């Protein structure tokens, strides 16, 4: 397996950690970022791009040349994977984040703040439309891959497995017993005095 695949995977983890810091800065201000900043940050902090980079090292995908793995269509699919994983988490974690306050890196909150919509109905509906636009784009890209010549079959399997990955992470989100329940998943900044006793 080419060493640069590991380097790209590790790079995606470093990007994730760096962006966590940016996310915490917005949460500390309790002010949702702009949609552009949210999308750029959340795509990284969802972990979806890390999953995509890890996936390409599995099965026979590590045989795919850079001309496939670095193709704009495949890279766009990586970004959509990160975007969709973030959106799923945001929808499911919204009640917890509203209950504890301070978490503003959430698609619904960003939509509400940017468009001055009601949180209960309008912002959730618009956020779902945004999610569906990204999902539709991922499906369209899966169904219209460029001609990768001799690599077409493996590239197709890789694209399909990215879809399976999105479904798997979503299933994990909705079946998680405690992560998204208010009061169960605690971070020090959300406790009185800012520390865990």
N, C-alpha and C. Protein backbone atom coordinates (compact mmCIF):
# COMPACT_ATOMS: atom_id res chain seq x y z
N UNK A 1 0.84 -1.18 0.00
CA UNK A 1 0.00 0.00 0.00
C UNK A 1 0.89 1.24 0.00
N UNK A 2 0.57 2.21 -0.85
CA UNK A 2 1.39 3.43 -0.91
C UNK A 2 1.38 4.19 0.42
N UNK A 3 2.55 4.63 0.85
CA UNK A 3 2.69 5.33 2.13
C UNK A 3 1.87 6.61 2.15
N UNK A 4 1.70 7.25 0.98
CA UNK A 4 0.96 8.51 0.99
C UNK A 4 -0.50 8.34 1.36
N UNK A 5 -1.04 7.12 1.23
CA UNK A 5 -2.42 6.89 1.67
C UNK A 5 -2.52 7.03 3.19
N UNK A 6 -1.54 6.50 3.91
CA UNK A 6 -1.51 6.67 5.36
C UNK A 6 -1.33 8.14 5.71
N UNK A 7 -0.47 8.82 4.99
CA UNK A 7 -0.23 10.23 5.25
C UNK A 7 -1.49 11.06 5.04
N UNK A 8 -2.26 10.73 3.99
CA UNK A 8 -3.51 11.45 3.74
C UNK A 8 -4.53 11.15 4.84
N UNK A 9 -4.58 9.91 5.31
CA UNK A 9 -5.47 9.55 6.40
C UNK A 9 -5.09 10.32 7.66
N UNK A 10 -3.80 10.31 8.00
CA UNK A 10 -3.33 11.03 9.18
C UNK A 10 -3.58 12.53 9.03
N UNK A 11 -3.38 13.05 7.82
CA UNK A 11 -3.66 14.46 7.56
C UNK A 11 -5.12 14.80 7.81
N UNK A 12 -6.02 13.89 7.44
CA UNK A 12 -7.45 14.14 7.67
C UNK A 12 -7.76 14.17 9.17
N UNK A 13 -7.06 13.36 9.95
CA UNK A 13 -7.25 13.36 11.40
C UNK A 13 -6.72 14.67 12.00
N UNK A 14 -5.57 15.12 11.52
CA UNK A 14 -5.03 16.40 12.00
C UNK A 14 -5.96 17.55 11.65
N UNK A 15 -6.54 17.53 10.45
CA UNK A 15 -7.53 18.55 10.07
C UNK A 15 -8.72 18.52 11.01
N UNK A 16 -9.19 17.33 11.34
CA UNK A 16 -10.31 17.17 12.25
C UNK A 16 -10.00 17.80 13.61
N UNK A 17 -8.83 17.50 14.15
CA UNK A 17 -8.45 18.02 15.46
C UNK A 17 -8.32 19.54 15.42
N UNK A 18 -7.71 20.07 14.37
CA UNK A 18 -7.58 21.52 14.23
C UNK A 18 -8.94 22.18 14.19
N UNK A 19 -9.85 21.60 13.43
CA UNK A 19 -11.19 22.18 13.29
C UNK A 19 -12.01 22.05 14.57
N UNK A 20 -11.71 21.05 15.40
CA UNK A 20 -12.38 20.97 16.70
C UNK A 20 -12.12 22.25 17.49
N UNK A 21 -10.88 22.74 17.41
CA UNK A 21 -10.54 23.98 18.10
C UNK A 21 -11.36 25.15 17.59
N UNK A 22 -11.53 25.24 16.28
CA UNK A 22 -12.34 26.31 15.70
C UNK A 22 -13.80 26.18 16.14
N UNK A 23 -14.28 24.95 16.18
CA UNK A 23 -15.66 24.70 16.62
C UNK A 23 -15.85 25.16 18.06
N UNK A 24 -14.88 24.86 18.92
CA UNK A 24 -14.96 25.26 20.33
C UNK A 24 -14.97 26.78 20.47
N UNK A 25 -14.26 27.49 19.60
CA UNK A 25 -14.26 28.95 19.66
C UNK A 25 -15.65 29.50 19.41
N UNK A 26 -16.36 28.95 18.44
CA UNK A 26 -17.74 29.40 18.16
C UNK A 26 -18.66 29.04 19.32
N UNK A 27 -18.50 27.86 19.87
CA UNK A 27 -19.33 27.45 21.00
C UNK A 27 -19.09 28.34 22.21
N UNK A 28 -17.84 28.74 22.43
CA UNK A 28 -17.52 29.61 23.57
C UNK A 28 -18.21 30.96 23.45
N UNK A 29 -18.40 31.43 22.23
CA UNK A 29 -19.09 32.71 21.99
C UNK A 29 -20.61 32.55 22.01
N UNK A 30 -21.09 31.31 21.94
CA UNK A 30 -22.53 31.01 21.85
C UNK A 30 -23.19 31.72 20.68
N UNK A 31 -22.43 31.90 19.61
CA UNK A 31 -22.95 32.54 18.41
C UNK A 31 -22.71 31.63 17.22
N UNK A 32 -23.78 31.21 16.54
CA UNK A 32 -23.58 30.34 15.38
C UNK A 32 -22.75 31.05 14.31
N UNK A 33 -21.89 30.31 13.62
CA UNK A 33 -21.10 30.89 12.54
C UNK A 33 -21.98 31.11 11.30
N UNK A 34 -21.40 31.73 10.29
CA UNK A 34 -22.10 31.83 9.01
C UNK A 34 -22.23 30.43 8.42
N UNK A 35 -23.12 30.30 7.46
CA UNK A 35 -23.31 28.99 6.81
C UNK A 35 -22.02 28.54 6.14
N UNK A 36 -21.30 29.46 5.51
CA UNK A 36 -20.06 29.09 4.82
C UNK A 36 -19.02 28.56 5.81
N UNK A 37 -18.86 29.23 6.93
CA UNK A 37 -17.90 28.78 7.95
C UNK A 37 -18.37 27.47 8.55
N UNK A 38 -19.66 27.37 8.84
CA UNK A 38 -20.21 26.12 9.39
C UNK A 38 -19.90 24.95 8.47
N UNK A 39 -20.23 25.09 7.19
CA UNK A 39 -20.05 23.97 6.25
C UNK A 39 -18.59 23.54 6.17
N UNK A 40 -17.71 24.52 6.09
CA UNK A 40 -16.29 24.21 5.97
C UNK A 40 -15.77 23.51 7.23
N UNK A 41 -16.19 23.99 8.38
CA UNK A 41 -15.73 23.42 9.65
C UNK A 41 -16.38 22.08 9.93
N UNK A 42 -17.70 22.02 9.80
CA UNK A 42 -18.44 20.80 10.18
C UNK A 42 -18.08 19.61 9.30
N UNK A 43 -17.82 19.88 8.04
CA UNK A 43 -17.42 18.81 7.12
C UNK A 43 -16.18 18.09 7.66
N UNK A 44 -15.29 18.85 8.28
CA UNK A 44 -14.07 18.27 8.84
C UNK A 44 -14.31 17.62 10.20
N UNK A 45 -15.10 18.29 11.07
CA UNK A 45 -15.25 17.79 12.44
C UNK A 45 -16.19 16.60 12.55
N UNK A 46 -16.92 16.30 11.51
CA UNK A 46 -17.83 15.15 11.55
C UNK A 46 -17.06 13.83 11.54
N UNK A 47 -15.84 13.86 11.03
CA UNK A 47 -15.06 12.63 10.90
C UNK A 47 -15.30 11.90 9.59
N UNK A 48 -16.25 12.37 8.80
CA UNK A 48 -16.59 11.69 7.55
C UNK A 48 -15.46 11.62 6.55
N UNK A 49 -14.67 12.67 6.47
CA UNK A 49 -13.54 12.66 5.53
C UNK A 49 -12.49 11.66 6.02
N UNK A 50 -12.31 11.58 7.33
CA UNK A 50 -11.39 10.56 7.89
C UNK A 50 -11.87 9.17 7.51
N UNK A 51 -13.18 8.94 7.61
CA UNK A 51 -13.74 7.64 7.22
C UNK A 51 -13.44 7.34 5.75
N UNK A 52 -13.62 8.34 4.89
CA UNK A 52 -13.38 8.14 3.46
C UNK A 52 -11.92 7.82 3.20
N UNK A 53 -11.02 8.51 3.89
CA UNK A 53 -9.58 8.26 3.72
C UNK A 53 -9.20 6.88 4.25
N UNK A 54 -9.86 6.45 5.31
CA UNK A 54 -9.61 5.11 5.84
C UNK A 54 -10.18 4.05 4.90
N UNK A 55 -11.36 4.32 4.37
CA UNK A 55 -12.01 3.36 3.47
C UNK A 55 -11.15 3.06 2.25
N UNK A 56 -10.47 4.07 1.72
CA UNK A 56 -9.68 3.82 0.51
C UNK A 56 -8.46 2.95 0.77
N UNK A 57 -8.15 2.68 2.04
CA UNK A 57 -7.05 1.77 2.36
C UNK A 57 -7.55 0.33 2.58
N UNK A 58 -8.85 0.12 2.45
CA UNK A 58 -9.44 -1.19 2.69
C UNK A 58 -9.65 -1.94 1.37
N UNK A 59 -9.94 -3.22 1.51
CA UNK A 59 -10.20 -4.10 0.37
C UNK A 59 -9.10 -3.93 -0.67
N UNK A 60 -9.53 -3.83 -1.92
CA UNK A 60 -8.56 -3.59 -2.99
C UNK A 60 -8.56 -2.13 -3.43
N UNK A 61 -9.19 -1.27 -2.64
CA UNK A 61 -9.23 0.15 -2.99
C UNK A 61 -7.85 0.78 -2.94
N UNK A 62 -6.95 0.20 -2.14
CA UNK A 62 -5.59 0.74 -2.06
C UNK A 62 -4.85 0.55 -3.38
N UNK A 63 -5.40 -0.28 -4.27
CA UNK A 63 -4.80 -0.45 -5.60
C UNK A 63 -5.17 0.68 -6.55
N UNK A 64 -6.22 1.43 -6.20
CA UNK A 64 -6.65 2.52 -7.08
C UNK A 64 -5.54 3.57 -7.20
N UNK A 65 -5.26 4.01 -8.40
CA UNK A 65 -4.22 5.03 -8.58
C UNK A 65 -4.72 6.41 -8.14
N UNK A 66 -3.78 7.31 -7.94
CA UNK A 66 -4.13 8.68 -7.56
C UNK A 66 -5.04 9.34 -8.59
N UNK A 67 -4.92 8.94 -9.85
CA UNK A 67 -5.78 9.54 -10.88
C UNK A 67 -7.26 9.26 -10.59
N UNK A 68 -7.54 8.21 -9.84
CA UNK A 68 -8.91 7.92 -9.41
C UNK A 68 -9.17 8.56 -8.04
N UNK A 69 -8.34 8.26 -7.05
CA UNK A 69 -8.58 8.72 -5.68
C UNK A 69 -8.48 10.23 -5.52
N UNK A 70 -7.75 10.89 -6.40
CA UNK A 70 -7.63 12.35 -6.32
C UNK A 70 -8.46 13.04 -7.39
N UNK A 71 -9.29 12.28 -8.08
CA UNK A 71 -10.17 12.87 -9.10
C UNK A 71 -11.17 13.80 -8.41
N UNK A 72 -11.48 14.95 -9.01
CA UNK A 72 -12.42 15.89 -8.39
C UNK A 72 -13.76 15.26 -7.98
N UNK A 73 -14.25 14.31 -8.75
CA UNK A 73 -15.52 13.66 -8.39
C UNK A 73 -15.38 12.87 -7.10
N UNK A 74 -14.31 12.11 -6.97
CA UNK A 74 -14.08 11.31 -5.75
C UNK A 74 -13.84 12.22 -4.56
N UNK A 75 -13.05 13.27 -4.75
CA UNK A 75 -12.79 14.20 -3.65
C UNK A 75 -14.07 14.91 -3.22
N UNK A 76 -14.93 15.24 -4.18
CA UNK A 76 -16.22 15.85 -3.85
C UNK A 76 -17.07 14.86 -3.04
N UNK A 77 -17.01 13.59 -3.40
CA UNK A 77 -17.75 12.58 -2.64
C UNK A 77 -17.21 12.47 -1.21
N UNK A 78 -15.90 12.59 -1.03
CA UNK A 78 -15.33 12.61 0.32
C UNK A 78 -15.93 13.77 1.12
N UNK A 79 -15.96 14.95 0.49
CA UNK A 79 -16.50 16.12 1.18
C UNK A 79 -17.98 15.94 1.50
N UNK A 80 -18.74 15.36 0.58
CA UNK A 80 -20.16 15.11 0.84
C UNK A 80 -20.34 14.10 1.96
N UNK A 81 -19.46 13.13 2.03
CA UNK A 81 -19.51 12.16 3.12
C UNK A 81 -19.34 12.88 4.46
N UNK A 82 -18.34 13.75 4.54
CA UNK A 82 -18.14 14.53 5.75
C UNK A 82 -19.33 15.42 6.07
N UNK A 83 -19.89 16.03 5.04
CA UNK A 83 -21.05 16.91 5.21
C UNK A 83 -22.25 16.14 5.75
N UNK A 84 -22.56 15.01 5.12
CA UNK A 84 -23.75 14.24 5.52
C UNK A 84 -23.61 13.65 6.92
N UNK A 85 -22.44 13.16 7.26
CA UNK A 85 -22.23 12.63 8.61
C UNK A 85 -22.45 13.75 9.64
N UNK A 86 -21.96 14.94 9.34
CA UNK A 86 -22.18 16.09 10.23
C UNK A 86 -23.65 16.46 10.34
N UNK A 87 -24.35 16.49 9.21
CA UNK A 87 -25.78 16.82 9.24
C UNK A 87 -26.56 15.80 10.07
N UNK A 88 -26.27 14.52 9.88
CA UNK A 88 -26.98 13.49 10.65
C UNK A 88 -26.77 13.71 12.15
N UNK A 89 -25.53 13.92 12.52
CA UNK A 89 -25.22 14.16 13.93
C UNK A 89 -25.96 15.39 14.45
N UNK A 90 -26.02 16.43 13.64
CA UNK A 90 -26.67 17.67 14.07
C UNK A 90 -28.16 17.48 14.32
N UNK A 91 -28.83 16.79 13.43
CA UNK A 91 -30.26 16.56 13.62
C UNK A 91 -30.52 15.76 14.90
N UNK A 92 -29.73 14.74 15.09
CA UNK A 92 -29.97 13.83 16.22
C UNK A 92 -29.54 14.46 17.54
N UNK A 93 -28.50 15.27 17.52
CA UNK A 93 -27.99 15.86 18.77
C UNK A 93 -28.67 17.18 19.12
N UNK A 94 -29.53 17.71 18.26
CA UNK A 94 -30.14 19.02 18.51
C UNK A 94 -30.82 19.11 19.88
N UNK A 95 -31.66 18.16 20.28
CA UNK A 95 -32.29 18.30 21.61
C UNK A 95 -31.27 18.39 22.75
N UNK A 96 -30.20 17.60 22.67
CA UNK A 96 -29.16 17.65 23.70
C UNK A 96 -28.47 19.01 23.69
N UNK A 97 -28.16 19.50 22.52
CA UNK A 97 -27.44 20.77 22.41
C UNK A 97 -28.30 21.94 22.87
N UNK A 98 -29.59 21.90 22.59
CA UNK A 98 -30.49 22.95 23.06
C UNK A 98 -30.63 22.89 24.58
N UNK A 99 -30.66 21.68 25.13
CA UNK A 99 -30.83 21.52 26.58
C UNK A 99 -29.63 22.05 27.36
N UNK A 100 -28.43 21.86 26.85
CA UNK A 100 -27.27 22.29 27.62
C UNK A 100 -26.77 23.66 27.21
N UNK A 101 -27.17 24.15 26.06
CA UNK A 101 -26.76 25.48 25.63
C UNK A 101 -25.29 25.54 25.25
N UNK A 102 -24.94 26.53 24.46
CA UNK A 102 -23.55 26.75 24.10
C UNK A 102 -23.08 26.04 22.85
N UNK A 103 -23.72 24.95 22.47
CA UNK A 103 -23.34 24.26 21.24
C UNK A 103 -24.06 24.93 20.08
N UNK A 104 -23.31 25.61 19.26
CA UNK A 104 -23.92 26.35 18.15
C UNK A 104 -23.48 25.84 16.79
N UNK A 105 -22.57 24.89 16.77
CA UNK A 105 -22.10 24.33 15.50
C UNK A 105 -23.06 23.21 15.10
N UNK A 106 -24.27 23.63 14.75
CA UNK A 106 -25.35 22.71 14.41
C UNK A 106 -26.10 23.31 13.23
N UNK A 107 -26.34 22.50 12.21
CA UNK A 107 -26.98 22.97 10.98
C UNK A 107 -28.28 23.69 11.26
N UNK A 108 -29.12 23.14 12.12
CA UNK A 108 -30.42 23.76 12.38
C UNK A 108 -30.24 25.13 13.02
N UNK A 109 -29.33 25.25 13.98
CA UNK A 109 -29.09 26.54 14.63
C UNK A 109 -28.49 27.56 13.68
N UNK A 110 -27.60 27.10 12.81
CA UNK A 110 -26.99 28.01 11.84
C UNK A 110 -28.05 28.52 10.87
N UNK A 111 -28.91 27.63 10.38
CA UNK A 111 -29.99 28.03 9.47
C UNK A 111 -30.92 29.01 10.17
N UNK A 112 -31.29 28.70 11.40
CA UNK A 112 -32.19 29.59 12.14
C UNK A 112 -31.58 30.97 12.30
N UNK A 113 -30.32 31.02 12.70
CA UNK A 113 -29.65 32.30 12.93
C UNK A 113 -29.46 33.09 11.64
N UNK A 114 -29.04 32.41 10.59
CA UNK A 114 -28.73 33.11 9.34
C UNK A 114 -29.98 33.59 8.61
N UNK A 115 -31.06 32.81 8.69
CA UNK A 115 -32.28 33.14 7.94
C UNK A 115 -33.39 33.68 8.83
N UNK A 116 -33.12 33.83 10.12
CA UNK A 116 -34.12 34.33 11.07
C UNK A 116 -35.43 33.54 10.99
N UNK A 117 -35.30 32.23 11.09
CA UNK A 117 -36.45 31.33 11.02
C UNK A 117 -36.78 30.81 12.42
N UNK A 118 -38.00 30.30 12.59
CA UNK A 118 -38.34 29.66 13.86
C UNK A 118 -37.59 28.33 13.94
N UNK A 119 -37.11 28.01 15.13
CA UNK A 119 -36.33 26.79 15.31
C UNK A 119 -37.19 25.55 15.14
N UNK A 120 -38.38 25.58 15.68
CA UNK A 120 -39.22 24.38 15.71
C UNK A 120 -39.60 23.87 14.32
N UNK A 121 -40.02 24.73 13.45
CA UNK A 121 -40.53 24.26 12.16
C UNK A 121 -39.65 24.68 10.99
N UNK A 122 -39.55 25.96 10.79
CA UNK A 122 -38.92 26.48 9.57
C UNK A 122 -37.44 26.11 9.46
N UNK A 123 -36.69 26.30 10.53
CA UNK A 123 -35.25 26.02 10.46
C UNK A 123 -34.99 24.53 10.27
N UNK A 124 -35.76 23.69 10.95
CA UNK A 124 -35.59 22.24 10.77
C UNK A 124 -35.95 21.82 9.35
N UNK A 125 -37.02 22.38 8.82
CA UNK A 125 -37.44 22.03 7.46
C UNK A 125 -36.38 22.48 6.45
N UNK A 126 -35.86 23.69 6.61
CA UNK A 126 -34.83 24.18 5.68
C UNK A 126 -33.55 23.36 5.83
N UNK A 127 -33.18 23.01 7.05
CA UNK A 127 -31.99 22.19 7.27
C UNK A 127 -32.15 20.83 6.59
N UNK A 128 -33.34 20.26 6.65
CA UNK A 128 -33.59 18.98 5.99
C UNK A 128 -33.46 19.12 4.47
N UNK A 129 -33.93 20.24 3.92
CA UNK A 129 -33.76 20.49 2.48
C UNK A 129 -32.27 20.55 2.12
N UNK A 130 -31.49 21.23 2.95
CA UNK A 130 -30.04 21.33 2.71
C UNK A 130 -29.41 19.93 2.75
N UNK A 131 -29.79 19.14 3.74
CA UNK A 131 -29.31 17.75 3.83
C UNK A 131 -29.66 16.99 2.56
N UNK A 132 -30.91 17.08 2.14
CA UNK A 132 -31.36 16.32 0.97
C UNK A 132 -30.65 16.75 -0.30
N UNK A 133 -30.30 18.03 -0.42
CA UNK A 133 -29.54 18.49 -1.58
C UNK A 133 -28.17 17.81 -1.62
N UNK A 134 -27.52 17.71 -0.47
CA UNK A 134 -26.21 17.05 -0.42
C UNK A 134 -26.33 15.55 -0.68
N UNK A 135 -27.36 14.93 -0.12
CA UNK A 135 -27.58 13.50 -0.36
C UNK A 135 -27.86 13.24 -1.83
N UNK A 136 -28.70 14.07 -2.44
CA UNK A 136 -28.99 13.92 -3.87
C UNK A 136 -27.73 14.06 -4.71
N UNK A 137 -26.86 15.00 -4.33
CA UNK A 137 -25.61 15.17 -5.08
C UNK A 137 -24.72 13.94 -4.94
N UNK A 138 -24.61 13.39 -3.74
CA UNK A 138 -23.79 12.19 -3.55
C UNK A 138 -24.32 11.04 -4.40
N UNK A 139 -25.62 10.84 -4.40
CA UNK A 139 -26.22 9.76 -5.19
C UNK A 139 -26.00 10.00 -6.68
N UNK A 140 -26.15 11.25 -7.11
CA UNK A 140 -25.91 11.57 -8.53
C UNK A 140 -24.47 11.28 -8.92
N UNK A 141 -23.53 11.66 -8.07
CA UNK A 141 -22.12 11.39 -8.37
C UNK A 141 -21.83 9.89 -8.39
N UNK A 142 -22.44 9.15 -7.47
CA UNK A 142 -22.27 7.69 -7.48
C UNK A 142 -22.77 7.08 -8.79
N UNK A 143 -23.86 7.62 -9.30
CA UNK A 143 -24.49 7.07 -10.50
C UNK A 143 -23.90 7.57 -11.81
N UNK A 144 -23.04 8.58 -11.73
CA UNK A 144 -22.47 9.15 -12.96
C UNK A 144 -20.96 9.30 -12.84
N UNK A 145 -20.31 8.28 -12.33
CA UNK A 145 -18.85 8.35 -12.21
C UNK A 145 -18.20 8.58 -13.56
N UNK A 146 -17.09 9.30 -13.58
CA UNK A 146 -16.34 9.45 -14.83
C UNK A 146 -15.83 8.09 -15.29
N UNK A 147 -15.35 8.04 -16.50
CA UNK A 147 -14.76 6.81 -17.03
C UNK A 147 -13.35 6.67 -16.48
N UNK A 148 -13.16 5.70 -15.61
CA UNK A 148 -11.85 5.44 -15.03
C UNK A 148 -11.15 4.28 -15.71
N UNK A 149 -11.62 3.91 -16.89
CA UNK A 149 -10.97 2.86 -17.67
C UNK A 149 -10.90 1.55 -16.93
N UNK A 150 -9.70 0.97 -16.85
CA UNK A 150 -9.53 -0.33 -16.22
C UNK A 150 -9.89 -0.33 -14.73
N UNK A 151 -9.99 0.84 -14.12
CA UNK A 151 -10.28 0.96 -12.69
C UNK A 151 -11.77 1.18 -12.41
N UNK A 152 -12.58 1.15 -13.45
CA UNK A 152 -14.00 1.50 -13.30
C UNK A 152 -14.72 0.63 -12.27
N UNK A 153 -14.52 -0.67 -12.34
CA UNK A 153 -15.24 -1.59 -11.44
C UNK A 153 -14.88 -1.32 -9.98
N UNK A 154 -13.59 -1.18 -9.70
CA UNK A 154 -13.17 -0.93 -8.32
C UNK A 154 -13.61 0.46 -7.86
N UNK A 155 -13.51 1.45 -8.76
CA UNK A 155 -13.96 2.80 -8.42
C UNK A 155 -15.46 2.80 -8.11
N UNK A 156 -16.23 2.05 -8.87
CA UNK A 156 -17.68 1.93 -8.63
C UNK A 156 -17.93 1.32 -7.24
N UNK A 157 -17.20 0.26 -6.90
CA UNK A 157 -17.36 -0.37 -5.58
C UNK A 157 -17.00 0.61 -4.46
N UNK A 158 -15.94 1.37 -4.68
CA UNK A 158 -15.53 2.36 -3.68
C UNK A 158 -16.62 3.41 -3.50
N UNK A 159 -17.17 3.91 -4.59
CA UNK A 159 -18.24 4.91 -4.52
C UNK A 159 -19.46 4.33 -3.80
N UNK A 160 -19.81 3.10 -4.12
CA UNK A 160 -20.94 2.45 -3.45
C UNK A 160 -20.68 2.27 -1.96
N UNK A 161 -19.46 1.90 -1.61
CA UNK A 161 -19.13 1.71 -0.20
C UNK A 161 -19.13 3.03 0.58
N UNK A 162 -18.87 4.14 -0.10
CA UNK A 162 -19.01 5.43 0.58
C UNK A 162 -20.47 5.64 0.99
N UNK A 163 -21.39 5.24 0.13
CA UNK A 163 -22.81 5.32 0.48
C UNK A 163 -23.16 4.42 1.64
N UNK A 164 -22.60 3.21 1.65
CA UNK A 164 -22.83 2.28 2.76
C UNK A 164 -22.27 2.87 4.05
N UNK A 165 -21.14 3.53 3.96
CA UNK A 165 -20.52 4.15 5.13
C UNK A 165 -21.45 5.21 5.72
N UNK A 166 -22.03 6.06 4.86
CA UNK A 166 -22.96 7.09 5.34
C UNK A 166 -24.14 6.43 6.05
N UNK A 167 -24.68 5.39 5.45
CA UNK A 167 -25.81 4.69 6.07
C UNK A 167 -25.42 4.07 7.41
N UNK A 168 -24.22 3.50 7.47
CA UNK A 168 -23.76 2.88 8.70
C UNK A 168 -23.58 3.87 9.83
N UNK A 169 -22.98 5.01 9.53
CA UNK A 169 -22.79 6.03 10.56
C UNK A 169 -24.15 6.55 11.03
N UNK A 170 -25.07 6.75 10.08
CA UNK A 170 -26.42 7.20 10.46
C UNK A 170 -27.08 6.18 11.39
N UNK A 171 -26.96 4.90 11.06
CA UNK A 171 -27.54 3.86 11.92
C UNK A 171 -26.93 3.90 13.31
N UNK A 172 -25.63 4.11 13.38
CA UNK A 172 -24.96 4.23 14.68
C UNK A 172 -25.51 5.43 15.44
N UNK A 173 -25.69 6.56 14.75
CA UNK A 173 -26.22 7.76 15.40
C UNK A 173 -27.59 7.49 16.03
N UNK A 174 -28.48 6.86 15.28
CA UNK A 174 -29.84 6.70 15.80
C UNK A 174 -29.96 5.57 16.82
N UNK A 175 -28.98 4.68 16.85
CA UNK A 175 -29.04 3.58 17.81
C UNK A 175 -28.18 3.83 19.05
N UNK A 176 -27.43 4.91 19.06
CA UNK A 176 -26.57 5.21 20.20
C UNK A 176 -27.43 5.44 21.43
N UNK A 177 -27.12 4.77 22.51
CA UNK A 177 -27.98 4.82 23.69
C UNK A 177 -27.76 6.04 24.58
N UNK A 178 -26.63 6.70 24.49
CA UNK A 178 -26.41 7.80 25.40
C UNK A 178 -25.77 9.03 24.81
N UNK A 179 -25.07 8.88 23.74
CA UNK A 179 -24.30 9.99 23.19
C UNK A 179 -25.13 11.23 22.90
N UNK A 180 -26.35 11.05 22.47
CA UNK A 180 -27.16 12.19 22.04
C UNK A 180 -28.29 12.51 23.01
N UNK A 181 -28.21 12.03 24.23
CA UNK A 181 -29.24 12.27 25.23
C UNK A 181 -28.76 13.39 26.15
N UNK A 182 -29.63 14.38 26.36
CA UNK A 182 -29.27 15.50 27.23
C UNK A 182 -28.86 14.99 28.60
N UNK A 183 -27.71 15.50 29.09
CA UNK A 183 -27.25 15.16 30.42
C UNK A 183 -26.40 13.90 30.52
N UNK A 184 -26.30 13.13 29.46
CA UNK A 184 -25.54 11.87 29.53
C UNK A 184 -24.10 12.07 29.07
N UNK A 185 -23.90 12.77 27.97
CA UNK A 185 -22.57 12.98 27.41
C UNK A 185 -22.08 14.34 27.89
N UNK A 186 -21.15 14.37 28.81
CA UNK A 186 -20.77 15.60 29.48
C UNK A 186 -19.37 16.04 29.10
N UNK A 187 -19.23 17.32 28.82
CA UNK A 187 -17.93 17.92 28.60
C UNK A 187 -17.73 18.97 29.69
N UNK A 188 -16.50 19.16 30.17
CA UNK A 188 -16.26 20.06 31.30
C UNK A 188 -16.82 21.47 31.12
N UNK A 189 -16.79 22.02 29.94
CA UNK A 189 -17.25 23.39 29.77
C UNK A 189 -18.76 23.54 29.96
N UNK A 190 -19.49 22.41 30.02
CA UNK A 190 -20.94 22.46 30.22
C UNK A 190 -21.34 22.16 31.66
N UNK A 191 -20.37 22.08 32.55
CA UNK A 191 -20.64 21.84 33.96
C UNK A 191 -20.44 23.12 34.75
N UNK A 192 -21.11 23.23 35.87
CA UNK A 192 -20.91 24.38 36.75
C UNK A 192 -19.44 24.41 37.17
N UNK A 193 -18.82 25.52 37.00
CA UNK A 193 -17.41 25.64 37.37
C UNK A 193 -16.45 25.14 36.31
N UNK A 194 -16.96 24.52 35.24
CA UNK A 194 -16.13 24.10 34.13
C UNK A 194 -15.21 22.92 34.39
N UNK A 195 -15.54 22.08 35.39
CA UNK A 195 -14.67 20.94 35.64
C UNK A 195 -15.50 19.71 36.03
N UNK A 196 -14.91 18.57 35.82
CA UNK A 196 -15.52 17.30 36.21
C UNK A 196 -15.00 16.94 37.59
N UNK A 197 -15.89 16.65 38.52
CA UNK A 197 -15.47 16.25 39.87
C UNK A 197 -15.26 14.77 39.95
